[in-house]
Structure formats: structure tokens, C-alpha cells
Protein backbone atom coordinates (compact mmCIF):
# COMPACT_ATOMS: atom_id res chain seq x y z
CA MET A 1 18.73 8.86 29.22
CA ASN A 2 22.54 8.84 28.98
CA LYS A 3 22.67 11.78 31.39
CA TYR A 4 20.47 9.94 33.88
CA ARG A 5 22.49 6.74 33.54
CA LYS A 6 25.66 8.65 34.47
CA ILE A 7 23.96 10.09 37.56
CA ALA A 8 22.65 6.67 38.59
CA ALA A 9 26.08 5.11 38.09
CA GLU A 10 27.75 7.82 40.18
CA VAL A 11 25.22 7.50 43.00
CA GLN A 12 25.68 3.73 42.98
CA LYS A 13 29.46 4.16 43.12
CA ILE A 14 29.83 6.74 45.90
CA GLY A 15 26.45 6.51 47.66
CA LYS A 16 23.51 8.89 47.83
CA ASP A 17 24.81 10.98 50.74
CA GLU A 18 28.24 11.56 49.19
CA TYR A 19 26.68 12.40 45.85
CA LEU A 20 24.44 15.10 47.37
CA LYS A 21 27.44 16.66 49.16
CA LYS A 22 29.22 17.35 45.86
CA SER A 23 28.92 20.94 44.62
CA ASP A 24 28.34 19.93 41.01
CA SER A 25 25.65 17.34 41.84
CA ALA A 26 21.97 17.77 41.14
CA ASN A 27 20.00 18.79 44.22
CA THR A 28 16.98 16.89 45.55
CA ASP A 29 14.47 19.08 43.66
CA GLU A 30 16.36 18.54 40.41
CA LEU A 31 16.50 14.79 41.05
CA LYS A 32 12.72 14.75 41.53
CA GLU A 33 12.31 16.48 38.16
CA TYR A 34 14.70 13.96 36.58
CA ILE A 35 12.59 11.10 37.94
CA LYS A 36 9.45 12.64 36.41
CA GLU A 37 11.22 13.02 33.09
CA VAL A 38 12.46 9.42 33.17
CA GLU A 39 8.89 8.25 33.77
CA LYS A 40 7.70 10.29 30.77
CA ILE A 41 10.48 8.85 28.59
CA ASP A 42 9.67 5.33 29.75
CA LYS A 43 5.99 5.83 28.85
CA ARG A 44 6.92 7.22 25.43
CA LEU A 45 9.26 4.29 24.75
CA GLU A 46 6.44 1.89 25.59
CA GLU A 47 4.16 3.72 23.14
CA LEU A 48 6.84 3.64 20.45
CA HIS A 49 7.38 -0.07 21.03
CA ASN A 50 3.70 -0.70 20.28
CA VAL A 51 3.84 1.56 17.21
CA TYR A 52 6.93 -0.29 16.00
CA LYS A 53 5.06 -3.60 16.13
CA LEU A 54 2.13 -2.07 14.25
CA ARG A 55 4.47 -0.59 11.63
CA TYR A 56 6.07 -3.97 11.11
CA THR A 57 2.70 -5.72 10.80
CA ALA A 58 1.50 -3.09 8.30
CA SER A 59 4.73 -3.45 6.31
CA CYS A 60 4.22 -7.22 6.04
CA GLN A 61 0.63 -6.66 4.96
CA ARG A 62 1.72 -4.25 2.19
CA ALA A 63 4.14 -6.85 0.88
CA GLU A 64 1.43 -9.55 0.90
CA TRP A 65 -1.16 -7.29 -0.67
CA GLY A 66 1.33 -6.17 -3.31
CA GLU A 67 2.13 -9.72 -4.38
CA SER A 68 -1.56 -10.67 -4.50
CA ILE A 69 -2.51 -7.57 -6.52
CA ILE A 70 0.30 -8.19 -9.02
CA ASP A 71 -0.70 -11.84 -9.45
CA PHE A 72 -4.36 -11.02 -10.00
CA LEU A 73 -4.06 -7.98 -12.25
CA ALA A 74 -1.35 -9.56 -14.38
CA ASP A 75 -2.70 -13.12 -14.58
CA GLU A 76 -6.46 -12.72 -14.30
CA ILE A 77 -7.19 -9.53 -16.24
CA ASN A 78 -4.03 -9.53 -18.36
CA LEU A 79 -2.54 -6.19 -17.39
CA GLU A 80 1.14 -5.70 -18.15
CA TRP A 81 3.07 -5.35 -14.91
CA HIS A 82 5.98 -2.89 -15.06
CA GLU A 83 8.35 -4.54 -12.63
CA ASP A 84 11.07 -1.93 -13.24
CA MET A 85 8.74 0.84 -12.05
CA THR A 86 7.46 -1.10 -9.06
CA GLY A 87 8.98 -0.78 -5.62
CA TYR A 88 9.03 0.86 -2.24
CA ARG A 89 9.65 4.54 -1.80
CA GLN A 90 13.28 5.51 -2.30
CA ALA A 91 14.89 6.53 0.96
CA THR A 92 16.16 10.11 1.16
CA LYS A 93 19.88 10.77 1.63
CA GLU A 94 19.16 11.82 5.19
CA THR A 95 17.39 8.50 5.83
CA LEU A 96 20.15 6.49 4.13
CA ASP A 97 22.77 8.17 6.33
CA SER A 98 20.84 7.70 9.56
CA LYS A 99 21.99 5.01 11.98
CA ASN A 100 18.37 3.92 12.58
CA PHE A 101 17.89 3.08 8.90
CA GLN A 102 21.30 1.39 8.61
CA ASP A 103 20.56 -0.76 11.66
CA TYR A 104 17.09 -1.57 10.27
CA VAL A 105 18.57 -2.66 6.92
CA LYS A 106 21.26 -4.71 8.63
CA ILE A 107 18.71 -6.60 10.73
CA THR A 108 16.04 -6.97 8.04
CA PHE A 109 18.14 -7.60 4.94
CA ASP A 110 21.23 -9.22 6.44
CA GLY A 111 23.55 -6.39 5.45
CA GLU A 112 22.48 -6.10 1.80
CA GLU A 113 22.73 -2.68 0.16
CA VAL A 114 19.16 -1.36 0.17
CA THR A 115 18.04 2.09 -0.96
CA GLU A 116 14.27 1.52 -0.76
CA ASP A 117 12.52 2.11 2.54
CA THR A 118 10.12 -0.79 3.10
CA ARG A 119 8.60 1.13 6.01
CA GLU A 120 7.14 3.55 3.45
CA TRP A 121 4.61 3.19 0.62
CA LEU A 122 4.79 0.48 -2.01
CA LYS A 123 4.11 1.44 -5.64
CA LEU A 124 2.82 -0.97 -8.31
CA VAL A 125 2.63 0.06 -11.98
CA PHE A 126 0.59 -1.67 -14.68
CA GLU A 127 -0.50 -0.96 -18.26
CA ASN A 128 -3.62 -2.10 -20.10
CA ALA A 129 -4.14 -2.94 -23.78
CA SER A 130 -5.06 0.69 -24.49
CA GLU A 131 -1.64 1.76 -23.13
CA ASN A 132 -3.15 3.47 -20.10
CA ARG A 133 -0.84 3.37 -17.08
CA ILE A 134 -2.37 2.18 -13.84
CA TYR A 135 -0.66 3.27 -10.60
CA VAL A 136 -1.41 1.54 -7.31
CA TYR A 137 0.08 2.91 -4.08
CA LEU A 138 -0.11 0.95 -0.84
CA VAL A 139 0.30 3.60 1.82
CA PRO A 140 0.73 3.31 5.61
CA VAL A 141 -1.47 5.76 7.54
CA GLU A 142 -0.36 6.33 11.11
CA ASN A 143 -1.90 8.00 14.11
CA LYS A 144 -0.83 7.95 17.74
CA SER A 145 -2.20 4.49 18.48
CA ASN A 146 -2.52 2.65 15.18
CA VAL A 147 -1.04 2.04 11.72
CA GLU A 148 -3.35 1.06 8.87
CA ASN A 149 -2.75 0.57 5.16
CA ARG A 150 -4.68 2.47 2.51
CA ILE A 151 -4.55 2.02 -1.26
CA ILE A 152 -4.56 4.87 -3.76
CA VAL A 153 -5.31 4.08 -7.41
CA HIS A 154 -4.73 6.46 -10.33
CA ILE A 155 -5.11 5.69 -14.04
CA ASP A 156 -3.30 7.89 -16.55
CA TYR A 157 -5.81 7.78 -19.42
CA ASN A 158 -4.66 8.72 -22.91
CA GLY A 159 -8.08 10.27 -23.49
CA ALA A 160 -11.16 10.95 -21.40
CA GLU A 161 -11.61 9.44 -17.95
CA GLN A 162 -13.37 6.06 -18.08
CA GLU A 163 -15.24 6.00 -14.79
CA ILE A 164 -16.61 2.47 -15.14
CA TYR A 165 -13.17 1.04 -15.90
CA SER A 166 -11.65 2.94 -12.97
CA ARG A 167 -14.35 1.58 -10.68
CA ASP A 168 -13.80 -1.97 -11.99
CA ILE A 169 -10.07 -1.81 -11.24
CA CYS A 170 -10.77 -0.66 -7.70
CA GLN A 171 -13.33 -3.44 -7.23
CA HIS A 172 -10.79 -6.01 -8.43
CA ILE A 173 -8.29 -4.75 -5.89
CA CYS A 174 -10.92 -4.91 -3.15
CA GLU A 175 -11.62 -8.52 -4.11
CA VAL A 176 -7.94 -9.37 -3.98
CA ILE A 177 -7.35 -7.97 -0.48
CA LYS A 178 -10.81 -9.09 0.68
CA CYS A 179 -12.24 -5.73 1.71
CA ASP A 180 -15.58 -4.05 1.11
CA THR A 181 -15.68 -1.39 -1.59
CA GLU A 182 -17.20 1.02 0.95
CA SER A 183 -14.53 0.41 3.59
CA GLY A 184 -12.37 3.34 2.48
CA ILE A 185 -9.28 1.15 2.17
CA VAL A 186 -9.14 1.41 -1.63
CA ASN A 187 -9.45 4.94 -2.99
CA TYR A 188 -9.44 6.11 -6.60
CA THR A 189 -8.14 9.58 -7.45
CA SER A 190 -8.25 11.32 -10.80
CA ASP A 191 -7.16 14.70 -9.41
CA ILE A 192 -3.47 14.65 -8.49
CA ASN A 193 -3.53 18.31 -7.43
CA ALA A 194 -6.26 17.57 -4.88
CA LEU A 195 -4.20 14.65 -3.59
CA LYS A 196 -1.19 16.96 -3.17
CA LEU A 197 -3.27 19.09 -0.81
CA ASN A 198 -4.23 16.13 1.38
CA THR A 199 -3.40 16.77 5.03
CA ASN A 200 -1.89 13.29 5.28
CA LYS A 201 1.75 13.67 4.25
CA SER A 202 1.96 10.09 2.99
CA PHE A 203 -0.88 10.79 0.56
CA SER A 204 0.49 14.13 -0.61
CA ASP A 205 3.92 12.56 -1.17
CA THR A 206 2.39 9.92 -3.45
CA ALA A 207 0.88 12.75 -5.52
CA LYS A 208 4.33 14.22 -6.04
CA ASP A 209 5.65 10.82 -7.06
CA LEU A 210 2.72 10.38 -9.46
CA GLU A 211 3.58 13.69 -11.11
CA ASN A 212 7.16 12.57 -11.61
CA MET A 213 6.08 9.20 -12.98
CA LYS A 214 3.72 10.82 -15.49
CA LYS A 215 6.43 13.21 -16.67
CA LYS A 216 8.73 10.25 -17.36
CA SER A 217 6.08 8.20 -19.22
């Protein structure tokens, strides 16, 4: 776009005829190709603008869902909430150094130093009376035209898997966010390795984080 702006500025300054006479100027065929490319870029920017709005809406929803889930699981069914383990995905060094992320933080957090990327998944960690850790990931799933949130639940049992308890926790979360248990929004996983192989990168990344969390616990 910067290249095309320079051409447009030069044409505006010296006129179309004088521009075309210059030996280093783009010829008419090249200018036609530039116009086509500008139209493609303009269309892509419009698509990205819509995706940006959807990303923002999904981010707000994750924050709201997260607060509601914490309130319910901690207050209503007496799970211990591990606030120190809860948070958004840590931004990579590449992300932290990028101008896009720095501008985003400046606008969203009024210049505060932020290392979590609120555009990514939100992790909630709880513990029940049997000292089983309960991990809840609120994950944005994006395709070309939409962004939707999904929830992944994993319980790190000290002993055998308790299927009924796992199902109850998922049902509670469905109640909190007001979704049907068959909607596919809330998903329980007991197999982290299978989750790592998921074709959705957001899901597979949560599996890697789960592995790290379990190693630390």
C-alpha cells in the first residue's frame, strides 16, 4: 500500500501524462495490475475488519464467561479457585515485541505492562475436596468468517477417572454460560495426547499447556 501511495502522490503532483513519460514509471499495463492488487487488498482489509470485531466480541465473552464460571464453581459447589494459576495465555517474545501487540496493549490497557494476550485462550484452575485439579480452558475458534468460543475441561484425577463427576462439572459449566450440553461448546477431555493431535492449533496448544501444568502440580 505504501508503494501505491507513493505512485498516487507522484501522479497527483506532476500529472498523469508527465508521470507516464518518465522512464522509471510504471507503464499502463503495470498500473492496471496495481489497481487489481489494490482492490484485492481493500477486500482483504474489509474481511479483516469484520474478523477484528468478531475477535473482540469473543474476547469479551470469554472474560464474562470466566467470571461467571469462577463465581459458580467457587461459591455454589465449593471448589477452591487457584487465582495464581488462572489467566490468559502468555504472549510469546515475538508477540511481545510486535508493534501490533504493543499498540493493542496501549489502547486496551492504557499503557500498562501486560504479558498476557487477552486475544488468546483463558485458563481457569480449580481444586476439589479430593485434591483433584480441574482445568477449564476458554478457547477462541476462528475460521474465515466467524470466531466462536469453545470450552475444554480436563480433571487431573489422583486415581481412576470419575466419569459421572466429570460430566457433572461440564453440566454445571453449561448451566453457567446458558448452553445446551449437546451444543458442542463445552467439551471434556481425559486424553491429553489426543488433544495434542487436534487439527485446531488453539486446542493442541492447550494440551501442551495442560502437560506443563500437570508437571508443575
